[in-house]
PDB file of N, CA and C in Angstrom:
ATOM      1  N   MET A   1      84.985  78.690 111.636  1.00  0.00           N
ATOM      2  CA  MET A   1      85.459  80.050 111.768  1.00  0.00           C
ATOM      3  C   MET A   1      84.083  80.509 112.492  1.00  0.00           C
ATOM      4  N   ALA A   2      84.327  81.474 113.729  1.00  0.00           N
ATOM      5  CA  ALA A   2      82.953  81.962 114.267  1.00  0.00           C
ATOM      6  C   ALA A   2      83.070  83.576 113.947  1.00  0.00           C
ATOM      7  N   PHE A   3      81.573  84.031 113.891  1.00  0.00           N
ATOM      8  CA  PHE A   3      81.380  85.071 113.700  1.00  0.00           C
ATOM      9  C   PHE A   3      80.906  85.861 114.680  1.00  0.00           C
ATOM     10  N   ASP A   4      81.573  86.869 115.306  1.00  0.00           N
ATOM     11  CA  ASP A   4      80.961  87.613 116.400  1.00  0.00           C
ATOM     12  C   ASP A   4      79.470  88.219 115.669  1.00  0.00           C
ATOM     13  N   LEU A   5      78.485  88.243 116.299  1.00  0.00           N
ATOM     14  CA  LEU A   5      77.088  89.054 115.454  1.00  0.00           C
ATOM     15  C   LEU A   5      76.851  90.094 116.892  1.00  0.00           C
ATOM     16  N   PRO A   6      77.567  91.269 116.812  1.00  0.00           N
ATOM     17  CA  PRO A   6      77.206  92.281 117.402  1.00  0.00           C
ATOM     18  C   PRO A   6      75.633  92.878 117.156  1.00  0.00           C
ATOM     19  N   HIS A   7      74.930  92.980 115.948  1.00  0.00           N
ATOM     20  CA  HIS A   7      73.691  93.178 115.811  1.00  0.00           C
ATOM     21  C   HIS A   7      72.912  91.808 115.520  1.00  0.00           C
ATOM     22  N   PRO A   8      72.015  91.053 115.834  1.00  0.00           N
ATOM     23  CA  PRO A   8      71.773  90.349 115.616  1.00  0.00           C
ATOM     24  C   PRO A   8      70.623  90.280 114.771  1.00  0.00           C
ATOM     25  N   SER A   9      70.274  91.654 114.552  1.00  0.00           N
ATOM     26  CA  SER A   9      69.011  91.801 114.124  1.00  0.00           C
ATOM     27  C   SER A   9      69.598  92.312 112.782  1.00  0.00           C
ATOM     28  N   ARG A  10      70.700  92.421 112.029  1.00  0.00           N
ATOM     29  CA  ARG A  10      71.591  92.625 110.406  1.00  0.00           C
ATOM     30  C   ARG A  10      71.403  90.875 110.073  1.00  0.00           C
ATOM     31  N   PRO A  11      71.049  90.768 108.520  1.00  0.00           N
ATOM     32  CA  PRO A  11      71.020  89.634 108.007  1.00  0.00           C
ATOM     33  C   PRO A  11      72.315  88.882 108.166  1.00  0.00           C
ATOM     34  N   PHE A  12      72.518  87.847 108.206  1.00  0.00           N
ATOM     35  CA  PHE A  12      74.036  87.137 108.287  1.00  0.00           C
ATOM     36  C   PHE A  12      75.238  87.926 106.928  1.00  0.00           C
ATOM     37  N   HIS A  13      74.458  87.576 105.664  1.00  0.00           N
ATOM     38  CA  HIS A  13      75.534  88.214 104.810  1.00  0.00           C
ATOM     39  C   HIS A  13      75.673  89.359 104.624  1.00  0.00           C
ATOM     40  N   VAL A  14      75.087  90.861 105.608  1.00  0.00           N
ATOM     41  CA  VAL A  14      75.790  91.818 105.706  1.00  0.00           C
ATOM     42  C   VAL A  14      76.794  91.778 106.819  1.00  0.00           C
ATOM     43  N   VAL A  15      76.463  90.831 107.809  1.00  0.00           N
ATOM     44  CA  VAL A  15      77.578  90.883 108.847  1.00  0.00           C
ATOM     45  C   VAL A  15      79.202  89.875 108.226  1.00  0.00           C
ATOM     46  N   LEU A  16      78.725  89.064 107.090  1.00  0.00           N
ATOM     47  CA  LEU A  16      79.474  88.489 106.694  1.00  0.00           C
ATOM     48  C   LEU A  16      80.600  89.253 105.878  1.00  0.00           C
ATOM     49  N   LEU A  17      79.703  90.256 105.257  1.00  0.00           N
ATOM     50  CA  LEU A  17      80.401  91.152 104.428  1.00  0.00           C
ATOM     51  C   LEU A  17      81.496  92.457 104.681  1.00  0.00           C
ATOM     52  N   HIS A  18      81.115  92.567 105.937  1.00  0.00           N
ATOM     53  CA  HIS A  18      81.363  93.480 106.870  1.00  0.00           C
ATOM     54  C   HIS A  18      82.678  93.068 107.568  1.00  0.00           C
ATOM     55  N   HIS A  19      82.579  91.713 107.547  1.00  0.00           N
ATOM     56  CA  HIS A  19      83.534  90.445 108.603  1.00  0.00           C
ATOM     57  C   HIS A  19      85.220  90.826 107.364  1.00  0.00           C
ATOM     58  N   VAL A  20      84.417  90.698 105.983  1.00  0.00           N
ATOM     59  CA  VAL A  20      85.157  89.995 105.228  1.00  0.00           C
ATOM     60  C   VAL A  20      86.123  91.875 104.394  1.00  0.00           C
ATOM     61  N   ALA A  21      85.353  92.977 104.402  1.00  0.00           N
ATOM     62  CA  ALA A  21      85.791  93.845 104.273  1.00  0.00           C
ATOM     63  C   ALA A  21      86.657  94.337 105.488  1.00  0.00           C
ATOM     64  N   SER A  22      86.521  94.408 106.727  1.00  0.00           N
ATOM     65  CA  SER A  22      87.036  94.822 107.946  1.00  0.00           C
ATOM     66  C   SER A  22      88.545  93.996 107.520  1.00  0.00           C
ATOM     67  N   GLN A  23      88.448  92.749 107.432  1.00  0.00           N
ATOM     68  CA  GLN A  23      89.499  91.898 107.454  1.00  0.00           C
ATOM     69  C   GLN A  23      90.832  92.254 106.205  1.00  0.00           C
ATOM     70  N   LEU A  24      90.150  92.967 104.782  1.00  0.00           N
ATOM     71  CA  LEU A  24      90.813  93.104 103.605  1.00  0.00           C
ATOM     72  C   LEU A  24      91.368  94.328 104.039  1.00  0.00           C
ATOM     73  N   VAL A  25      90.461  95.669 104.539  1.00  0.00           N
ATOM     74  CA  VAL A  25      91.423  96.953 104.710  1.00  0.00           C
ATOM     75  C   VAL A  25      92.286  96.708 106.022  1.00  0.00           C
ATOM     76  N   SER A  26      91.725  95.701 106.646  1.00  0.00           N
ATOM     77  CA  SER A  26      93.606  95.478 108.206  1.00  0.00           C
ATOM     78  C   SER A  26      94.604  94.655 107.084  1.00  0.00           C
ATOM     79  N   GLY A  27      94.761  94.046 106.276  1.00  0.00           N
ATOM     80  CA  GLY A  27      95.707  93.531 105.473  1.00  0.00           C
ATOM     81  C   GLY A  27      96.246  94.696 104.123  1.00  0.00           C
ATOM     82  N   LEU A  28      95.154  95.141 103.824  1.00  0.00           N
ATOM     83  CA  LEU A  28      95.573  96.551 103.005  1.00  0.00           C
ATOM     84  C   LEU A  28      96.467  97.521 103.646  1.00  0.00           C
ATOM     85  N   SER A  29      96.092  97.824 104.997  1.00  0.00           N
ATOM     86  CA  SER A  29      96.870  98.530 105.781  1.00  0.00           C
ATOM     87  C   SER A  29      98.225  98.432 106.112  1.00  0.00           C
ATOM     88  N   ILE A  30      98.180  96.835 106.657  1.00  0.00           N
ATOM     89  CA  ILE A  30      99.666  95.848 107.008  1.00  0.00           C
ATOM     90  C   ILE A  30     100.738  96.336 105.628  1.00  0.00           C
ATOM     91  N   VAL A  31      99.961  95.781 104.538  1.00  0.00           N
ATOM     92  CA  VAL A  31     100.937  96.001 103.535  1.00  0.00           C
ATOM     93  C   VAL A  31     101.524  97.568 102.918  1.00  0.00           C
ATOM     94  N   LEU A  32     100.351  98.541 103.203  1.00  0.00           N
ATOM     95  CA  LEU A  32     100.827  99.426 102.648  1.00  0.00           C
ATOM     96  C   LEU A  32     102.083  99.982 103.926  1.00  0.00           C
ATOM     97  N   LEU A  33     102.163  99.536 104.916  1.00  0.00           N
ATOM     98  CA  LEU A  33     102.721  99.949 106.003  1.00  0.00           C
ATOM     99  C   LEU A  33     104.215  99.565 105.348  1.00  0.00           C
ATOM    100  N   PHE A  34     104.341  98.451 105.420  1.00  0.00           N
ATOM    101  CA  PHE A  34     105.460  97.389 104.998  1.00  0.00           C
ATOM    102  C   PHE A  34     106.099  98.050 103.916  1.00  0.00           C
ATOM    103  N   VAL A  35     105.181  98.471 102.836  1.00  0.00           N
ATOM    104  CA  VAL A  35     105.819  98.691 101.749  1.00  0.00           C
ATOM    105  C   VAL A  35     106.626 100.573 102.094  1.00  0.00           C
ATOM    106  N   VAL A  36     105.691 101.086 102.857  1.00  0.00           N
ATOM    107  CA  VAL A  36     106.264 102.260 103.179  1.00  0.00           C
ATOM    108  C   VAL A  36     107.548 102.385 104.078  1.00  0.00           C
ATOM    109  N   ALA A  37     107.602 101.248 105.057  1.00  0.00           N
ATOM    110  CA  ALA A  37     108.969 100.858 106.019  1.00  0.00           C
ATOM    111  C   ALA A  37     109.801 100.645 104.925  1.00  0.00           C
ATOM    112  N   VAL A  38     109.924  99.619 104.128  1.00  0.00           N
ATOM    113  CA  VAL A  38     110.795  99.401 103.045  1.00  0.00           C
ATOM    114  C   VAL A  38     111.442 100.524 102.495  1.00  0.00           C
ATOM    115  N   ASN A  39     110.697 101.173 101.796  1.00  0.00           N
ATOM    116  CA  ASN A  39     111.045 102.374 101.049  1.00  0.00           C
ATOM    117  C   ASN A  39     111.097 103.732 101.239  1.00  0.00           C
ATOM    118  N   LEU A  40     110.866 103.653 102.531  1.00  0.00           N
ATOM    119  CA  LEU A  40     111.341 105.219 102.879  1.00  0.00           C
ATOM    120  C   LEU A  40     112.557 105.663 102.817  1.00  0.00           C
ATOM    121  N   PRO A  41     113.823 104.824 103.083  1.00  0.00           N
ATOM    122  CA  PRO A  41     114.981 105.714 102.440  1.00  0.00           C
ATOM    123  C   PRO A  41     114.829 106.145 100.952  1.00  0.00           C
ATOM    124  N   LEU A  42     114.234 105.047  99.832  1.00  0.00           N
ATOM    125  CA  LEU A  42     114.122 105.461  98.307  1.00  0.00           C
ATOM    126  C   LEU A  42     113.317 106.967  98.631  1.00  0.00           C
ATOM    127  N   PHE A  43     112.328 106.978  99.224  1.00  0.00           N
ATOM    128  CA  PHE A  43     111.413 108.332  99.267  1.00  0.00           C
ATOM    129  C   PHE A  43     111.663 109.447  99.927  1.00  0.00           C
ATOM    130  N   LEU A  44     113.094 109.130 100.895  1.00  0.00           N
ATOM    131  CA  LEU A  44     113.671 110.363 101.471  1.00  0.00           C
ATOM    132  C   LEU A  44     114.617 110.645 100.055  1.00  0.00           C
ATOM    133  N   VAL A  45     115.360 110.105  99.893  1.00  0.00           N
ATOM    134  CA  VAL A  45     116.460 110.235  98.534  1.00  0.00           C
ATOM    135  C   VAL A  45     115.706 110.813  97.338  1.00  0.00           C
ATOM    136  N   PHE A  46     115.032 110.386  97.194  1.00  0.00           N
ATOM    137  CA  PHE A  46     113.975 110.795  95.804  1.00  0.00           C
ATOM    138  C   PHE A  46     113.447 112.123  95.944  1.00  0.00           C
ATOM    139  N   GLY A  47     112.736 112.327  97.488  1.00  0.00           N
ATOM    140  CA  GLY A  47     112.232 112.992  97.921  1.00  0.00           C
ATOM    141  C   GLY A  47     113.286 114.530  98.088  1.00  0.00           C
ATOM    142  N   GLY A  48     114.445 114.321  98.655  1.00  0.00           N
ATOM    143  CA  GLY A  48     115.265 115.338  98.531  1.00  0.00           C
ATOM    144  C   GLY A  48     115.878 115.665  96.961  1.00  0.00           C
ATOM    145  N   VAL A  49     115.995 114.776  95.905  1.00  0.00           N
ATOM    146  CA  VAL A  49     116.592 115.188  94.942  1.00  0.00           C
ATOM    147  C   VAL A  49     115.472 115.888  94.233  1.00  0.00           C
ATOM    148  N   ILE A  50     114.045 115.454  93.903  1.00  0.00           N
ATOM    149  CA  ILE A  50     113.034 116.169  93.806  1.00  0.00           C
ATOM    150  C   ILE A  50     112.642 117.800  94.282  1.00  0.00           C
ATOM    151  N   GLY A  51     113.173 118.212  95.842  1.00  0.00           N
ATOM    152  CA  GLY A  51     113.458 119.318  96.193  1.00  0.00           C
ATOM    153  C   GLY A  51     114.797 119.790  95.382  1.00  0.00           C
ATOM    154  N   LEU A  52     115.786 119.507  95.709  1.00  0.00           N
ATOM    155  CA  LEU A  52     116.515 120.100  94.922  1.00  0.00           C
ATOM    156  C   LEU A  52     116.688 120.876  93.681  1.00  0.00           C
ATOM    157  N   VAL A  53     115.918 119.478  92.821  1.00  0.00           N
ATOM    158  CA  VAL A  53     115.756 120.232  91.451  1.00  0.00           C
ATOM    159  C   VAL A  53     114.488 121.143  91.414  1.00  0.00           C
ATOM    160  N   ALA A  54     114.223 121.126  92.150  1.00  0.00           N
ATOM    161  CA  ALA A  54     112.629 122.231  92.335  1.00  0.00           C
ATOM    162  C   ALA A  54     113.573 123.731  93.033  1.00  0.00           C
ATOM    163  N   HIS A  55     114.407 123.173  93.655  1.00  0.00           N
ATOM    164  CA  HIS A  55     115.278 124.337  94.810  1.00  0.00           C
ATOM    165  C   HIS A  55     116.147 125.041  93.309  1.00  0.00           C
ATOM    166  N   CYS A  56     116.406 124.229  92.380  1.00  0.00           N
ATOM    167  CA  CYS A  56     117.699 124.714  91.495  1.00  0.00           C
ATOM    168  C   CYS A  56     116.699 125.336  90.077  1.00  0.00           C
ATOM    169  N   LEU A  57     115.638 124.775  89.588  1.00  0.00           N
ATOM    170  CA  LEU A  57     114.780 125.719  88.794  1.00  0.00           C
ATOM    171  C   LEU A  57     114.062 126.816  89.502  1.00  0.00           C
ATOM    172  N   CYS A  58     113.950 127.040  90.633  1.00  0.00           N
ATOM    173  CA  CYS A  58     113.566 128.181  91.213  1.00  0.00           C
ATOM    174  C   CYS A  58     114.570 129.372  91.469  1.00  0.00           C
ATOM    175  N   ASP A  59     115.669 128.762  91.301  1.00  0.00           N
ATOM    176  CA  ASP A  59     116.786 129.996  91.659  1.00  0.00           C
ATOM    177  C   ASP A  59     117.320 130.362  89.980  1.00  0.00           C
ATOM    178  N   PRO A  60     117.011 132.184  90.600  1.00  0.00           N
ATOM    179  CA  PRO A  60     117.397 132.416  89.109  1.00  0.00           C
ATOM    180  C   PRO A  60     118.789 132.862  88.481  1.00  0.00           C
ATOM    181  N   HIS A  61     119.997 132.455  89.150  1.00  0.00           N
ATOM    182  CA  HIS A  61     121.314 131.943  88.950  1.00  0.00           C
ATOM    183  C   HIS A  61     121.555 130.516  87.716  1.00  0.00           C
ATOM    184  N   THR A  62     120.984 129.864  88.863  1.00  0.00           N
ATOM    185  CA  THR A  62     120.918 128.292  87.867  1.00  0.00           C
ATOM    186  C   THR A  62     120.198 128.442  86.729  1.00  0.00           C
ATOM    187  N   THR A  63     118.874 128.970  86.519  1.00  0.00           N
ATOM    188  CA  THR A  63     118.105 129.084  85.665  1.00  0.00           C
ATOM    189  C   THR A  63     118.497 129.629  84.095  1.00  0.00           C
ATOM    190  N   LYS A  64     119.287 131.201  84.665  1.00  0.00           N
ATOM    191  CA  LYS A  64     120.181 131.559  83.604  1.00  0.00           C
ATOM    192  C   LYS A  64     121.213 130.788  83.001  1.00  0.00           C
ATOM    193  N   ALA A  65     122.171 130.267  84.204  1.00  0.00           N
ATOM    194  CA  ALA A  65     123.226 129.254  83.501  1.00  0.00           C
ATOM    195  C   ALA A  65     122.577 128.227  82.613  1.00  0.00           C
ATOM    196  N   ALA A  66     121.356 127.394  82.782  1.00  0.00           N
ATOM    197  CA  ALA A  66     120.607 126.209  82.439  1.00  0.00           C
ATOM    198  C   ALA A  66     120.478 126.887  80.746  1.00  0.00           C
ATOM    199  N   MET A  67     119.563 127.892  80.767  1.00  0.00           N
ATOM    200  CA  MET A  67     119.162 128.506  79.453  1.00  0.00           C
ATOM    201  C   MET A  67     120.330 128.909  79.001  1.00  0.00           C
ATOM    202  N   TYR A  68     121.436 129.452  79.201  1.00  0.00           N
ATOM    203  CA  TYR A  68     122.572 129.551  78.453  1.00  0.00           C
ATOM    204  C   TYR A  68     123.067 128.513  77.982  1.00  0.00           C
ATOM    205  N   ALA A  69     123.391 127.681  79.039  1.00  0.00           N
ATOM    206  CA  ALA A  69     123.600 125.900  78.179  1.00  0.00           C
ATOM    207  C   ALA A  69     123.144 125.334  77.058  1.00  0.00           C
ATOM    208  N   MET A  70     121.499 125.602  77.556  1.00  0.00           N
ATOM    209  CA  MET A  70     121.401 125.374  76.271  1.00  0.00           C
ATOM    210  C   MET A  70     121.462 126.024  74.677  1.00  0.00           C
ATOM    211  N   GLN A  71     121.161 127.520  75.221  1.00  0.00           N
ATOM    212  CA  GLN A  71     121.431 128.341  74.029  1.00  0.00           C
ATOM    213  C   GLN A  71     122.758 128.014  73.464  1.00  0.00           C
ATOM    214  N   THR A  72     124.244 127.687  73.843  1.00  0.00           N
ATOM    215  CA  THR A  72     125.399 127.723  73.458  1.00  0.00           C
ATOM    216  C   THR A  72     124.711 126.220  72.494  1.00  0.00           C
ATOM    217  N   LEU A  73     124.345 125.331  73.568  1.00  0.00           N
ATOM    218  CA  LEU A  73     123.959 123.534  72.888  1.00  0.00           C
ATOM    219  C   LEU A  73     123.771 123.862  71.215  1.00  0.00           C
ATOM    220  N   LEU A  74     122.150 124.771  71.505  1.00  0.00           N
ATOM    221  CA  LEU A  74     121.420 124.739  70.998  1.00  0.00           C
ATOM    222  C   LEU A  74     122.370 125.370  69.080  1.00  0.00           C
ATOM    223  N   ALA A  75     123.055 126.369  70.114  1.00  0.00           N
ATOM    224  CA  ALA A  75     123.906 127.287  68.645  1.00  0.00           C
ATOM    225  C   ALA A  75     124.812 126.359  67.963  1.00  0.00           C
ATOM    226  N   LYS A  76     125.703 124.937  68.919  1.00  0.00           N
ATOM    227  CA  LYS A  76     126.324 124.255  68.166  1.00  0.00           C
ATOM    228  C   LYS A  76     125.856 123.437  67.478  1.00  0.00           C
ATOM    229  N   GLU A  77     124.621 122.928  67.624  1.00  0.00           N
ATOM    230  CA  GLU A  77     123.844 121.681  66.839  1.00  0.00           C
ATOM    231  C   GLU A  77     123.338 122.200  65.811  1.00  0.00           C
ATOM    232  N   ALA A  78     122.697 123.722  65.810  1.00  0.00           N
ATOM    233  CA  ALA A  78     121.793 123.806  64.915  1.00  0.00           C
ATOM    234  C   ALA A  78     121.965 123.819  63.403  1.00  0.00           C
ATOM    235  N   ILE A  79     123.125 123.586  63.036  1.00  0.00           N
ATOM    236  CA  ILE A  79     123.724 122.972  61.743  1.00  0.00           C
ATOM    237  C   ILE A  79     123.365 121.412  61.663  1.00  0.00           C
ATOM    238  N   LEU A  80     123.329 120.496  62.482  1.00  0.00           N
ATOM    239  CA  LEU A  80     122.553 119.489  62.386  1.00  0.00           C
ATOM    240  C   LEU A  80     121.388 119.305  62.516  1.00  0.00           C
ATOM    241  N   LEU A  81     120.733 120.145  63.122  1.00  0.00           N
ATOM    242  CA  LEU A  81     118.929 120.031  63.272  1.00  0.00           C
ATOM    243  C   LEU A  81     118.425 121.282  62.229  1.00  0.00           C
ATOM    244  N   GLN A  82     119.604 121.670  61.107  1.00  0.00           N
ATOM    245  CA  GLN A  82     118.950 122.659  60.417  1.00  0.00           C
ATOM    246  C   GLN A  82     118.238 123.596  60.845  1.00  0.00           C
ATOM    247  N   LEU A  83     118.761 124.800  61.806  1.00  0.00           N
ATOM    248  CA  LEU A  83     117.457 125.753  62.357  1.00  0.00           C
ATOM    249  C   LEU A  83     117.850 126.965  61.864  1.00  0.00           C
ATOM    250  N   ARG A  84     119.058 127.138  61.096  1.00  0.00           N
ATOM    251  CA  ARG A  84     119.393 128.439  60.999  1.00  0.00           C
ATOM    252  C   ARG A  84     119.057 128.833  59.840  1.00  0.00           C
TER     253      ARG A  84
END
């Protein structure tokens, strides 16, 4: 393996460390790019689901309906939970 020495004044271990670090960063960026490319449909689907849930939580009508459903469920299950 031949190393380019752009700065011959630098010690060899510094040049070697720089070379290894640049190879690691290059490999990591390729892996991350591959992971994002493979999982992009999942990111889009779950991003859409999370956005939909956030929208529903911010919608006053949905929030009222959810609160009513929770109150109704709690009233029905209060005997089992012994909350009355």
